[in-house]
Amino acid sequence: MVNFELRRQVINVYKELLFLGREYPLGYQYFRDRLHRAFASQAQITDDEQIRKGIARAEFVKKEVEAL
C-alpha cells in the first residue's frame, strides 16, 4: 500500500530541489537531468523506512544546494 503522506513529501522535496536548481552553477538543465535520474533510480523503493531515509538525504542535498 502506498503511503500518501510519504509520497507527498517526496514530491514536495523534488519540487523544492527543482526550484533551487535554477541558480545551479552548471545550469538548470544539467541539474534537472541529474535530479530526475536520482529520483527515478529510487522509484522502486516501497519500504517506508527507506523512503524516509531518501527524503532525509534529499533534504541534506537541498541544504548543500542552498549553500552554493
N, C-alpha and C. Protein backbone atom coordinates (compact mmCIF):
# COMPACT_ATOMS: atom_id res chain seq x y z
N MET A 1 0.84 -1.19 0.00
CA MET A 1 0.00 0.00 0.00
C MET A 1 0.88 1.24 0.00
N VAL A 2 0.52 2.18 -0.79
CA VAL A 2 1.28 3.42 -0.91
C VAL A 2 0.95 4.34 0.26
N ASN A 3 1.99 4.87 0.89
CA ASN A 3 1.80 5.83 1.97
C ASN A 3 1.72 7.21 1.32
N PHE A 4 0.53 7.78 1.27
CA PHE A 4 0.32 9.04 0.55
C PHE A 4 1.02 10.22 1.20
N GLU A 5 1.22 10.17 2.51
CA GLU A 5 1.94 11.25 3.18
C GLU A 5 3.41 11.24 2.74
N LEU A 6 4.02 10.06 2.67
CA LEU A 6 5.41 9.98 2.21
C LEU A 6 5.51 10.39 0.74
N ARG A 7 4.54 9.99 -0.06
CA ARG A 7 4.54 10.36 -1.47
C ARG A 7 4.49 11.88 -1.62
N ARG A 8 3.65 12.53 -0.81
CA ARG A 8 3.55 13.98 -0.86
C ARG A 8 4.88 14.63 -0.46
N GLN A 9 5.54 14.07 0.55
CA GLN A 9 6.82 14.61 0.99
C GLN A 9 7.88 14.48 -0.10
N VAL A 10 7.89 13.34 -0.78
CA VAL A 10 8.86 13.12 -1.86
C VAL A 10 8.62 14.13 -2.98
N ILE A 11 7.38 14.31 -3.37
CA ILE A 11 7.06 15.25 -4.44
C ILE A 11 7.44 16.68 -4.04
N ASN A 12 7.16 17.04 -2.78
CA ASN A 12 7.49 18.39 -2.32
C ASN A 12 9.00 18.65 -2.33
N VAL A 13 9.79 17.69 -1.85
CA VAL A 13 11.23 17.90 -1.82
C VAL A 13 11.79 17.93 -3.25
N TYR A 14 11.20 17.16 -4.15
CA TYR A 14 11.61 17.19 -5.56
C TYR A 14 11.35 18.58 -6.15
N LYS A 15 10.16 19.12 -5.89
CA LYS A 15 9.81 20.45 -6.40
C LYS A 15 10.72 21.53 -5.82
N GLU A 16 11.03 21.41 -4.52
CA GLU A 16 11.90 22.39 -3.88
C GLU A 16 13.30 22.34 -4.50
N LEU A 17 13.80 21.13 -4.75
CA LEU A 17 15.11 21.00 -5.37
C LEU A 17 15.10 21.55 -6.80
N LEU A 18 14.04 21.29 -7.54
CA LEU A 18 13.94 21.86 -8.90
C LEU A 18 13.99 23.38 -8.85
N PHE A 19 13.28 23.96 -7.89
CA PHE A 19 13.27 25.42 -7.75
C PHE A 19 14.68 25.94 -7.45
N LEU A 20 15.38 25.26 -6.55
CA LEU A 20 16.73 25.69 -6.20
C LEU A 20 17.70 25.50 -7.36
N GLY A 21 17.42 24.54 -8.23
CA GLY A 21 18.29 24.24 -9.35
C GLY A 21 18.38 25.36 -10.37
N ARG A 22 17.48 26.31 -10.33
CA ARG A 22 17.52 27.43 -11.27
C ARG A 22 18.82 28.21 -11.15
N GLU A 23 19.40 28.24 -9.97
CA GLU A 23 20.62 29.01 -9.71
C GLU A 23 21.87 28.14 -9.74
N TYR A 24 21.75 26.87 -10.13
CA TYR A 24 22.89 25.96 -10.10
C TYR A 24 23.98 26.41 -11.07
N PRO A 25 25.25 26.40 -10.64
CA PRO A 25 26.34 26.93 -11.48
C PRO A 25 26.49 26.24 -12.84
N LEU A 26 26.20 24.95 -12.94
CA LEU A 26 26.37 24.25 -14.21
C LEU A 26 25.13 24.34 -15.09
N GLY A 27 24.12 25.05 -14.62
CA GLY A 27 22.92 25.25 -15.42
C GLY A 27 21.74 24.42 -14.94
N TYR A 28 20.57 24.95 -15.21
CA TYR A 28 19.33 24.32 -14.76
C TYR A 28 19.11 22.97 -15.43
N GLN A 29 19.37 22.89 -16.74
CA GLN A 29 19.12 21.63 -17.47
C GLN A 29 19.99 20.51 -16.91
N TYR A 30 21.25 20.79 -16.63
CA TYR A 30 22.15 19.81 -16.05
C TYR A 30 21.61 19.34 -14.70
N PHE A 31 21.22 20.29 -13.86
CA PHE A 31 20.71 19.98 -12.53
C PHE A 31 19.43 19.15 -12.62
N ARG A 32 18.51 19.56 -13.51
CA ARG A 32 17.23 18.87 -13.64
C ARG A 32 17.42 17.43 -14.10
N ASP A 33 18.29 17.23 -15.07
CA ASP A 33 18.54 15.87 -15.56
C ASP A 33 19.12 14.98 -14.47
N ARG A 34 20.08 15.49 -13.73
CA ARG A 34 20.69 14.71 -12.64
C ARG A 34 19.68 14.43 -11.54
N LEU A 35 18.87 15.42 -11.20
CA LEU A 35 17.86 15.25 -10.16
C LEU A 35 16.84 14.20 -10.58
N HIS A 36 16.39 14.28 -11.82
CA HIS A 36 15.41 13.31 -12.32
C HIS A 36 15.97 11.89 -12.26
N ARG A 37 17.22 11.71 -12.71
CA ARG A 37 17.84 10.38 -12.68
C ARG A 37 17.97 9.87 -11.25
N ALA A 38 18.33 10.76 -10.32
CA ALA A 38 18.50 10.35 -8.92
C ALA A 38 17.17 9.88 -8.33
N PHE A 39 16.11 10.61 -8.59
CA PHE A 39 14.81 10.22 -8.06
C PHE A 39 14.26 8.98 -8.77
N ALA A 40 14.44 8.91 -10.09
CA ALA A 40 13.93 7.77 -10.86
C ALA A 40 14.63 6.47 -10.45
N SER A 41 15.90 6.56 -10.08
CA SER A 41 16.63 5.35 -9.69
C SER A 41 16.13 4.78 -8.37
N GLN A 42 15.42 5.58 -7.61
CA GLN A 42 14.89 5.14 -6.32
C GLN A 42 13.39 4.88 -6.36
N ALA A 43 12.80 4.92 -7.53
CA ALA A 43 11.34 4.83 -7.67
C ALA A 43 10.78 3.48 -7.23
N GLN A 44 11.58 2.42 -7.28
CA GLN A 44 11.07 1.10 -6.94
C GLN A 44 11.01 0.84 -5.43
N ILE A 45 11.54 1.73 -4.63
CA ILE A 45 11.56 1.55 -3.17
C ILE A 45 10.14 1.66 -2.62
N THR A 46 9.74 0.66 -1.82
CA THR A 46 8.40 0.66 -1.24
C THR A 46 8.43 0.63 0.29
N ASP A 47 9.59 0.35 0.87
CA ASP A 47 9.72 0.30 2.32
C ASP A 47 9.67 1.72 2.89
N ASP A 48 8.74 1.95 3.83
CA ASP A 48 8.56 3.30 4.39
C ASP A 48 9.84 3.84 5.00
N GLU A 49 10.60 3.00 5.70
CA GLU A 49 11.82 3.47 6.35
C GLU A 49 12.86 3.89 5.31
N GLN A 50 12.98 3.15 4.23
CA GLN A 50 13.92 3.51 3.17
C GLN A 50 13.49 4.81 2.49
N ILE A 51 12.20 5.01 2.33
CA ILE A 51 11.70 6.25 1.73
C ILE A 51 12.02 7.43 2.64
N ARG A 52 11.86 7.25 3.94
CA ARG A 52 12.19 8.33 4.90
C ARG A 52 13.68 8.67 4.83
N LYS A 53 14.53 7.65 4.71
CA LYS A 53 15.97 7.89 4.58
C LYS A 53 16.27 8.66 3.30
N GLY A 54 15.58 8.33 2.23
CA GLY A 54 15.75 9.05 0.97
C GLY A 54 15.33 10.50 1.07
N ILE A 55 14.24 10.75 1.78
CA ILE A 55 13.76 12.12 1.98
C ILE A 55 14.80 12.90 2.80
N ALA A 56 15.34 12.26 3.83
CA ALA A 56 16.36 12.93 4.65
C ALA A 56 17.60 13.25 3.81
N ARG A 57 17.99 12.34 2.92
CA ARG A 57 19.14 12.57 2.04
C ARG A 57 18.85 13.73 1.09
N ALA A 58 17.63 13.78 0.58
CA ALA A 58 17.24 14.87 -0.32
C ALA A 58 17.24 16.21 0.41
N GLU A 59 16.81 16.22 1.66
CA GLU A 59 16.83 17.46 2.47
C GLU A 59 18.27 17.93 2.67
N PHE A 60 19.19 16.98 2.88
CA PHE A 60 20.61 17.33 3.03
C PHE A 60 21.13 17.95 1.74
N VAL A 61 20.81 17.35 0.61
CA VAL A 61 21.23 17.88 -0.69
C VAL A 61 20.66 19.28 -0.89
N LYS A 62 19.41 19.46 -0.46
CA LYS A 62 18.76 20.77 -0.59
C LYS A 62 19.56 21.83 0.17
N LYS A 63 20.02 21.50 1.37
CA LYS A 63 20.82 22.45 2.16
C LYS A 63 22.15 22.73 1.48
N GLU A 64 22.74 21.72 0.87
CA GLU A 64 24.00 21.90 0.16
C GLU A 64 23.82 22.82 -1.06
N VAL A 65 22.74 22.63 -1.79
CA VAL A 65 22.49 23.47 -2.96
C VAL A 65 22.21 24.91 -2.53
N GLU A 66 21.50 25.07 -1.43
CA GLU A 66 21.24 26.42 -0.91
C GLU A 66 22.53 27.13 -0.55
N ALA A 67 23.52 26.36 -0.09
CA ALA A 67 24.80 26.95 0.31
C ALA A 67 25.62 27.43 -0.88
N LEU A 68 25.33 26.94 -2.07
CA LEU A 68 26.10 27.34 -3.27
C LEU A 68 25.87 28.78 -3.62
